[in-house]
């Protein structure tokens, strides 16, 4: 590993971690709502939330670029507040968070669906409010699903490329992540460096996915018990 590659790896890890932390509260709320709600339109909402998983990442990046442009209402509000997003590290985090969000929600929803509603009802009869019952009963019982979702989201953010390159660019030392650096080095003929970075990315992804598999097996064993 060269001296210039360590900051790149640390930046990629920081982006993935920050993106995961930012979407965690919203993801938990959405997952819990989908797990408990049986009303009309649930399938439509689930489909909309899953779109980033099946759309080309570049399409998601293009939408973000349009939404954040200075000609859009959102862009004008951000500009009036002096907040610059496009082609900054903020855009890297935003793109990674949006692409990772569906994975968090799907896994966390499965965790909440495994919680027996009768246990929550007992907590309510003992005087707990809805919020207190959630934090004392539901969330502790669903924690493996939530953590699995967080690890999947982190893994997805580590390898995000398509949306990021459109909304944040590929600026070395500013917005370049590991995935973008691999692409850039391949383009300029530095195949050995690209392969070395690909190996690092593989190790990081393997560690995150392995942790997810361990948690999934434990959830399965608990469900069978």
C-alpha atoms as a PDB file:
ATOM      1  CA  UNK A   1       0.000   0.000   0.000  1.00  0.00           C
ATOM      2  CA  UNK A   2       1.410   3.380  -1.007  1.00  0.00           C
ATOM      3  CA  UNK A   3       1.321   6.492   1.143  1.00  0.00           C
ATOM      4  CA  UNK A   4      -1.421   8.084  -0.952  1.00  0.00           C
ATOM      5  CA  UNK A   5      -3.716   5.060  -0.772  1.00  0.00           C
ATOM      6  CA  UNK A   6      -4.251   5.082   2.994  1.00  0.00           C
ATOM      7  CA  UNK A   7      -6.150   8.426   3.020  1.00  0.00           C
ATOM      8  CA  UNK A   8      -8.251   7.118   0.127  1.00  0.00           C
ATOM      9  CA  UNK A   9      -9.190   3.980   2.065  1.00  0.00           C
ATOM     10  CA  UNK A  10      -9.906   5.936   5.242  1.00  0.00           C
ATOM     11  CA  UNK A  11     -12.075   8.394   3.294  1.00  0.00           C
ATOM     12  CA  UNK A  12     -14.061   5.525   1.768  1.00  0.00           C
ATOM     13  CA  UNK A  13     -14.586   3.923   5.185  1.00  0.00           C
ATOM     14  CA  UNK A  14     -15.608   7.264   6.678  1.00  0.00           C
ATOM     15  CA  UNK A  15     -18.105   7.911   3.867  1.00  0.00           C
ATOM     16  CA  UNK A  16     -19.660   4.451   4.218  1.00  0.00           C
ATOM     17  CA  UNK A  17     -19.861   4.754   8.007  1.00  0.00           C
ATOM     18  CA  UNK A  18     -21.339   8.264   7.923  1.00  0.00           C
ATOM     19  CA  UNK A  19     -23.869   7.316   5.246  1.00  0.00           C
ATOM     20  CA  UNK A  20     -24.970   4.320   7.323  1.00  0.00           C
ATOM     21  CA  UNK A  21     -25.289   6.351  10.518  1.00  0.00           C
ATOM     22  CA  UNK A  22     -27.307   9.053   8.759  1.00  0.00           C
ATOM     23  CA  UNK A  23     -29.869   6.656   7.297  1.00  0.00           C
ATOM     24  CA  UNK A  24     -30.130   4.459  10.403  1.00  0.00           C
ATOM     25  CA  UNK A  25     -32.831   6.404  12.340  1.00  0.00           C
ATOM     26  CA  UNK A  26     -35.003   6.956   9.256  1.00  0.00           C
ATOM     27  CA  UNK A  27     -34.415   3.401   8.060  1.00  0.00           C
ATOM     28  CA  UNK A  28     -35.473   1.950  11.417  1.00  0.00           C
ATOM     29  CA  UNK A  29     -38.622   4.089  11.460  1.00  0.00           C
ATOM     30  CA  UNK A  30     -39.579   3.155   7.897  1.00  0.00           C
ATOM     31  CA  UNK A  31     -38.822  -0.534   8.455  1.00  0.00           C
ATOM     32  CA  UNK A  32     -40.900  -0.631  11.627  1.00  0.00           C
ATOM     33  CA  UNK A  33     -43.787   1.153   9.911  1.00  0.00           C
ATOM     34  CA  UNK A  34     -43.752  -1.294   6.991  1.00  0.00           C
ATOM     35  CA  UNK A  35     -43.563  -4.273   9.348  1.00  0.00           C
ATOM     36  CA  UNK A  36     -46.615  -3.187  11.306  1.00  0.00           C
ATOM     37  CA  UNK A  37     -48.710  -1.477   8.622  1.00  0.00           C
ATOM     38  CA  UNK A  38     -51.099  -3.593   6.584  1.00  0.00           C
ATOM     39  CA  UNK A  39     -53.025  -0.804   4.870  1.00  0.00           C
ATOM     40  CA  UNK A  40     -53.546  -0.104   1.214  1.00  0.00           C
ATOM     41  CA  UNK A  41     -50.546   1.180  -0.693  1.00  0.00           C
ATOM     42  CA  UNK A  42     -47.955  -0.764   1.302  1.00  0.00           C
ATOM     43  CA  UNK A  43     -46.790  -2.644  -1.784  1.00  0.00           C
ATOM     44  CA  UNK A  44     -46.423   0.603  -3.725  1.00  0.00           C
ATOM     45  CA  UNK A  45     -44.316   2.184  -0.993  1.00  0.00           C
ATOM     46  CA  UNK A  46     -42.106  -0.904  -0.740  1.00  0.00           C
ATOM     47  CA  UNK A  47     -41.637  -0.839  -4.510  1.00  0.00           C
ATOM     48  CA  UNK A  48     -40.666   2.838  -4.523  1.00  0.00           C
ATOM     49  CA  UNK A  49     -38.182   2.304  -1.695  1.00  0.00           C
ATOM     50  CA  UNK A  50     -36.603  -0.600  -3.568  1.00  0.00           C
ATOM     51  CA  UNK A  51     -36.098   1.285  -6.832  1.00  0.00           C
ATOM     52  CA  UNK A  52     -32.435   2.207  -6.140  1.00  0.00           C
ATOM     53  CA  UNK A  53     -31.689  -1.525  -6.014  1.00  0.00           C
ATOM     54  CA  UNK A  54     -32.826  -2.120  -9.594  1.00  0.00           C
ATOM     55  CA  UNK A  55     -32.333   1.230 -11.316  1.00  0.00           C
ATOM     56  CA  UNK A  56     -28.972   1.941 -12.947  1.00  0.00           C
ATOM     57  CA  UNK A  57     -26.959   3.853 -10.309  1.00  0.00           C
ATOM     58  CA  UNK A  58     -26.216   6.483 -12.928  1.00  0.00           C
ATOM     59  CA  UNK A  59     -29.970   7.127 -13.233  1.00  0.00           C
ATOM     60  CA  UNK A  60     -30.163   7.744  -9.494  1.00  0.00           C
ATOM     61  CA  UNK A  61     -27.146  10.040  -9.747  1.00  0.00           C
ATOM     62  CA  UNK A  62     -28.751  11.977 -12.588  1.00  0.00           C
ATOM     63  CA  UNK A  63     -31.913  12.529 -10.545  1.00  0.00           C
ATOM     64  CA  UNK A  64     -29.816  13.725  -7.607  1.00  0.00           C
ATOM     65  CA  UNK A  65     -27.887  16.054  -9.896  1.00  0.00           C
ATOM     66  CA  UNK A  66     -31.122  17.600 -11.148  1.00  0.00           C
ATOM     67  CA  UNK A  67     -32.634  17.894  -7.659  1.00  0.00           C
ATOM     68  CA  UNK A  68     -29.520  19.584  -6.249  1.00  0.00           C
ATOM     69  CA  UNK A  69     -28.846  21.862  -9.218  1.00  0.00           C
ATOM     70  CA  UNK A  70     -29.148  25.606  -8.670  1.00  0.00           C
ATOM     71  CA  UNK A  71     -32.170  25.761 -10.959  1.00  0.00           C
ATOM     72  CA  UNK A  72     -34.214  23.415  -8.761  1.00  0.00           C
ATOM     73  CA  UNK A  73     -36.160  24.507  -5.636  1.00  0.00           C
ATOM     74  CA  UNK A  74     -34.002  22.319  -3.410  1.00  0.00           C
ATOM     75  CA  UNK A  75     -30.831  23.706  -4.948  1.00  0.00           C
ATOM     76  CA  UNK A  76     -32.043  27.276  -4.495  1.00  0.00           C
ATOM     77  CA  UNK A  77     -32.811  26.669  -0.823  1.00  0.00           C
ATOM     78  CA  UNK A  78     -29.384  25.149  -0.248  1.00  0.00           C
ATOM     79  CA  UNK A  79     -27.743  28.008  -2.133  1.00  0.00           C
ATOM     80  CA  UNK A  80     -29.562  30.587   0.005  1.00  0.00           C
ATOM     81  CA  UNK A  81     -28.222  28.817   3.102  1.00  0.00           C
ATOM     82  CA  UNK A  82     -24.700  28.800   1.701  1.00  0.00           C
ATOM     83  CA  UNK A  83     -24.612  24.998   1.515  1.00  0.00           C
ATOM     84  CA  UNK A  84     -22.721  23.505  -1.411  1.00  0.00           C
ATOM     85  CA  UNK A  85     -23.383  19.832  -2.139  1.00  0.00           C
ATOM     86  CA  UNK A  86     -22.604  18.965  -5.769  1.00  0.00           C
ATOM     87  CA  UNK A  87     -18.990  17.876  -6.344  1.00  0.00           C
ATOM     88  CA  UNK A  88     -18.218  17.917  -2.608  1.00  0.00           C
ATOM     89  CA  UNK A  89     -17.749  15.141  -0.029  1.00  0.00           C
ATOM     90  CA  UNK A  90     -21.353  15.806   1.056  1.00  0.00           C
ATOM     91  CA  UNK A  91     -22.512  14.553  -2.332  1.00  0.00           C
ATOM     92  CA  UNK A  92     -20.474  11.372  -1.896  1.00  0.00           C
ATOM     93  CA  UNK A  93     -22.172  10.670   1.433  1.00  0.00           C
ATOM     94  CA  UNK A  94     -25.611  11.542   0.039  1.00  0.00           C
ATOM     95  CA  UNK A  95     -25.278   9.286  -2.994  1.00  0.00           C
ATOM     96  CA  UNK A  96     -23.966   6.418  -0.865  1.00  0.00           C
ATOM     97  CA  UNK A  97     -26.772   6.847   1.662  1.00  0.00           C
ATOM     98  CA  UNK A  98     -29.517   6.789  -0.961  1.00  0.00           C
ATOM     99  CA  UNK A  99     -28.133   3.700  -2.677  1.00  0.00           C
ATOM    100  CA  UNK A 100     -27.724   1.881   0.656  1.00  0.00           C
ATOM    101  CA  UNK A 101     -31.076   2.841   2.189  1.00  0.00           C
ATOM    102  CA  UNK A 102     -33.216   0.052   0.638  1.00  0.00           C
ATOM    103  CA  UNK A 103     -30.924  -2.683   1.963  1.00  0.00           C
ATOM    104  CA  UNK A 104     -31.165  -1.297   5.486  1.00  0.00           C
ATOM    105  CA  UNK A 105     -34.951  -1.103   5.336  1.00  0.00           C
ATOM    106  CA  UNK A 106     -35.468  -4.600   3.924  1.00  0.00           C
ATOM    107  CA  UNK A 107     -33.311  -6.340   6.520  1.00  0.00           C
ATOM    108  CA  UNK A 108     -34.580  -4.264   9.447  1.00  0.00           C
ATOM    109  CA  UNK A 109     -38.189  -4.855   8.398  1.00  0.00           C
ATOM    110  CA  UNK A 110     -37.593  -8.602   8.506  1.00  0.00           C
ATOM    111  CA  UNK A 111     -36.226  -8.216  12.018  1.00  0.00           C
ATOM    112  CA  UNK A 112     -39.296  -6.298  13.179  1.00  0.00           C
ATOM    113  CA  UNK A 113     -41.641  -8.812  11.555  1.00  0.00           C
ATOM    114  CA  UNK A 114     -40.084 -11.551  13.713  1.00  0.00           C
ATOM    115  CA  UNK A 115     -41.059  -9.768  16.938  1.00  0.00           C
ATOM    116  CA  UNK A 116     -44.180 -11.269  18.513  1.00  0.00           C
ATOM    117  CA  UNK A 117     -46.789  -8.460  18.804  1.00  0.00           C
ATOM    118  CA  UNK A 118     -48.103 -10.102  21.968  1.00  0.00           C
ATOM    119  CA  UNK A 119     -44.899  -9.207  23.795  1.00  0.00           C
ATOM    120  CA  UNK A 120     -45.412  -5.559  22.887  1.00  0.00           C
ATOM    121  CA  UNK A 121     -49.054  -5.787  23.993  1.00  0.00           C
ATOM    122  CA  UNK A 122     -47.943  -7.117  27.382  1.00  0.00           C
ATOM    123  CA  UNK A 123     -45.560  -4.189  27.791  1.00  0.00           C
ATOM    124  CA  UNK A 124     -48.387  -1.785  26.959  1.00  0.00           C
ATOM    125  CA  UNK A 125     -50.692  -3.378  29.544  1.00  0.00           C
ATOM    126  CA  UNK A 126     -47.941  -2.909  32.142  1.00  0.00           C
ATOM    127  CA  UNK A 127     -48.015   0.823  31.543  1.00  0.00           C
ATOM    128  CA  UNK A 128     -45.410   1.393  28.849  1.00  0.00           C
ATOM    129  CA  UNK A 129     -46.181   4.002  26.235  1.00  0.00           C
ATOM    130  CA  UNK A 130     -45.939   3.050  22.562  1.00  0.00           C
ATOM    131  CA  UNK A 131     -42.493   4.657  22.303  1.00  0.00           C
ATOM    132  CA  UNK A 132     -41.257   3.080  25.533  1.00  0.00           C
ATOM    133  CA  UNK A 133     -42.477  -0.360  24.441  1.00  0.00           C
ATOM    134  CA  UNK A 134     -40.650   0.084  21.154  1.00  0.00           C
ATOM    135  CA  UNK A 135     -37.307   0.880  22.778  1.00  0.00           C
ATOM    136  CA  UNK A 136     -37.667  -1.628  25.629  1.00  0.00           C
ATOM    137  CA  UNK A 137     -39.185  -4.583  23.765  1.00  0.00           C
ATOM    138  CA  UNK A 138     -39.395  -4.285  19.970  1.00  0.00           C
ATOM    139  CA  UNK A 139     -35.983  -2.842  19.131  1.00  0.00           C
ATOM    140  CA  UNK A 140     -33.980  -5.139  21.467  1.00  0.00           C
ATOM    141  CA  UNK A 141     -35.718  -8.181  19.966  1.00  0.00           C
ATOM    142  CA  UNK A 142     -35.174  -6.976  16.394  1.00  0.00           C
ATOM    143  CA  UNK A 143     -31.599  -5.799  16.859  1.00  0.00           C
ATOM    144  CA  UNK A 144     -30.042  -8.559  14.742  1.00  0.00           C
ATOM    145  CA  UNK A 145     -32.186  -7.602  11.759  1.00  0.00           C
ATOM    146  CA  UNK A 146     -31.356  -3.928  12.236  1.00  0.00           C
ATOM    147  CA  UNK A 147     -27.630  -4.641  12.555  1.00  0.00           C
ATOM    148  CA  UNK A 148     -27.738  -6.910   9.505  1.00  0.00           C
ATOM    149  CA  UNK A 149     -29.361  -4.081   7.548  1.00  0.00           C
ATOM    150  CA  UNK A 150     -26.754  -1.619   8.766  1.00  0.00           C
ATOM    151  CA  UNK A 151     -23.914  -3.927   7.689  1.00  0.00           C
ATOM    152  CA  UNK A 152     -25.505  -4.469   4.275  1.00  0.00           C
ATOM    153  CA  UNK A 153     -25.936  -0.715   3.881  1.00  0.00           C
ATOM    154  CA  UNK A 154     -22.324  -0.135   4.896  1.00  0.00           C
ATOM    155  CA  UNK A 155     -21.171  -2.743   2.357  1.00  0.00           C
ATOM    156  CA  UNK A 156     -23.231  -1.133  -0.388  1.00  0.00           C
ATOM    157  CA  UNK A 157     -21.865   2.310   0.452  1.00  0.00           C
ATOM    158  CA  UNK A 158     -18.299   0.992   0.287  1.00  0.00           C
ATOM    159  CA  UNK A 159     -18.697   0.030  -3.357  1.00  0.00           C
ATOM    160  CA  UNK A 160     -20.943   2.841  -4.583  1.00  0.00           C
ATOM    161  CA  UNK A 161     -19.811   4.190  -7.949  1.00  0.00           C
ATOM    162  CA  UNK A 162     -22.470   5.160 -10.494  1.00  0.00           C
ATOM    163  CA  UNK A 163     -24.503   7.700  -8.531  1.00  0.00           C
ATOM    164  CA  UNK A 164     -21.392   9.124  -6.877  1.00  0.00           C
ATOM    165  CA  UNK A 165     -19.477   9.811 -10.071  1.00  0.00           C
ATOM    166  CA  UNK A 166     -22.367  11.886 -11.453  1.00  0.00           C
ATOM    167  CA  UNK A 167     -23.260  13.949  -8.416  1.00  0.00           C
ATOM    168  CA  UNK A 168     -19.825  14.209  -6.784  1.00  0.00           C
ATOM    169  CA  UNK A 169     -17.375  13.663  -9.626  1.00  0.00           C
ATOM    170  CA  UNK A 170     -14.066  11.840  -9.309  1.00  0.00           C
ATOM    171  CA  UNK A 171     -11.831  14.450  -7.715  1.00  0.00           C
ATOM    172  CA  UNK A 172      -8.666  12.978  -6.135  1.00  0.00           C
ATOM    173  CA  UNK A 173      -8.261  14.046  -2.532  1.00  0.00           C
ATOM    174  CA  UNK A 174     -11.779  15.484  -2.407  1.00  0.00           C
ATOM    175  CA  UNK A 175     -14.521  13.147  -3.643  1.00  0.00           C
ATOM    176  CA  UNK A 176     -12.602  10.131  -4.913  1.00  0.00           C
ATOM    177  CA  UNK A 177     -13.547   6.892  -3.163  1.00  0.00           C
ATOM    178  CA  UNK A 178     -12.000   3.460  -3.509  1.00  0.00           C
ATOM    179  CA  UNK A 179     -14.391   2.446  -6.308  1.00  0.00           C
ATOM    180  CA  UNK A 180     -13.711   5.650  -8.228  1.00  0.00           C
ATOM    181  CA  UNK A 181      -9.950   5.294  -7.738  1.00  0.00           C
ATOM    182  CA  UNK A 182     -10.020   1.759  -9.151  1.00  0.00           C
ATOM    183  CA  UNK A 183     -11.835   3.039 -12.233  1.00  0.00           C
ATOM    184  CA  UNK A 184      -9.492   6.022 -12.613  1.00  0.00           C
ATOM    185  CA  UNK A 185      -6.320   3.928 -12.335  1.00  0.00           C
ATOM    186  CA  UNK A 186      -7.648   1.445 -14.871  1.00  0.00           C
ATOM    187  CA  UNK A 187      -8.422   4.271 -17.285  1.00  0.00           C
ATOM    188  CA  UNK A 188      -4.883   5.651 -17.124  1.00  0.00           C
ATOM    189  CA  UNK A 189      -3.224   2.247 -17.433  1.00  0.00           C
ATOM    190  CA  UNK A 190      -2.172   1.741 -13.809  1.00  0.00           C
ATOM    191  CA  UNK A 191      -3.530  -1.796 -13.695  1.00  0.00           C
ATOM    192  CA  UNK A 192      -1.269  -2.992 -10.876  1.00  0.00           C
ATOM    193  CA  UNK A 193      -2.399  -0.164  -8.605  1.00  0.00           C
ATOM    194  CA  UNK A 194      -6.025  -0.792  -9.589  1.00  0.00           C
ATOM    195  CA  UNK A 195      -5.706  -4.478  -8.728  1.00  0.00           C
ATOM    196  CA  UNK A 196      -4.157  -3.657  -5.373  1.00  0.00           C
ATOM    197  CA  UNK A 197      -7.044  -1.318  -4.527  1.00  0.00           C
ATOM    198  CA  UNK A 198      -9.532  -3.913  -5.759  1.00  0.00           C
ATOM    199  CA  UNK A 199      -7.967  -6.383  -3.330  1.00  0.00           C
ATOM    200  CA  UNK A 200      -8.389  -3.940  -0.459  1.00  0.00           C
ATOM    201  CA  UNK A 201     -12.014  -3.328  -1.450  1.00  0.00           C
ATOM    202  CA  UNK A 202     -12.619  -7.078  -1.609  1.00  0.00           C
ATOM    203  CA  UNK A 203     -11.237  -7.595   1.895  1.00  0.00           C
ATOM    204  CA  UNK A 204     -13.399  -4.837   3.362  1.00  0.00           C
ATOM    205  CA  UNK A 205     -16.521  -6.089   1.593  1.00  0.00           C
ATOM    206  CA  UNK A 206     -15.774  -9.676   2.640  1.00  0.00           C
ATOM    207  CA  UNK A 207     -15.500  -8.675   6.290  1.00  0.00           C
ATOM    208  CA  UNK A 208     -18.815  -6.816   6.218  1.00  0.00           C
ATOM    209  CA  UNK A 209     -20.680  -9.549   4.319  1.00  0.00           C
ATOM    210  CA  UNK A 210     -19.245 -12.285   6.542  1.00  0.00           C
ATOM    211  CA  UNK A 211     -20.499 -10.454   9.621  1.00  0.00           C
ATOM    212  CA  UNK A 212     -23.913 -10.204   7.959  1.00  0.00           C
ATOM    213  CA  UNK A 213     -23.971 -13.944   7.254  1.00  0.00           C
ATOM    214  CA  UNK A 214     -23.051 -14.750  10.853  1.00  0.00           C
ATOM    215  CA  UNK A 215     -25.894 -12.586  12.124  1.00  0.00           C
ATOM    216  CA  UNK A 216     -28.335 -14.119   9.634  1.00  0.00           C
ATOM    217  CA  UNK A 217     -27.456 -17.641  10.784  1.00  0.00           C
ATOM    218  CA  UNK A 218     -27.960 -16.653  14.401  1.00  0.00           C
ATOM    219  CA  UNK A 219     -31.339 -15.133  13.559  1.00  0.00           C
ATOM    220  CA  UNK A 220     -32.319 -18.345  11.792  1.00  0.00           C
ATOM    221  CA  UNK A 221     -31.226 -20.454  14.760  1.00  0.00           C
ATOM    222  CA  UNK A 222     -33.207 -18.258  17.139  1.00  0.00           C
ATOM    223  CA  UNK A 223     -36.304 -18.490  14.935  1.00  0.00           C
ATOM    224  CA  UNK A 224     -36.084 -22.318  14.858  1.00  0.00           C
ATOM    225  CA  UNK A 225     -35.666 -22.395  18.625  1.00  0.00           C
END
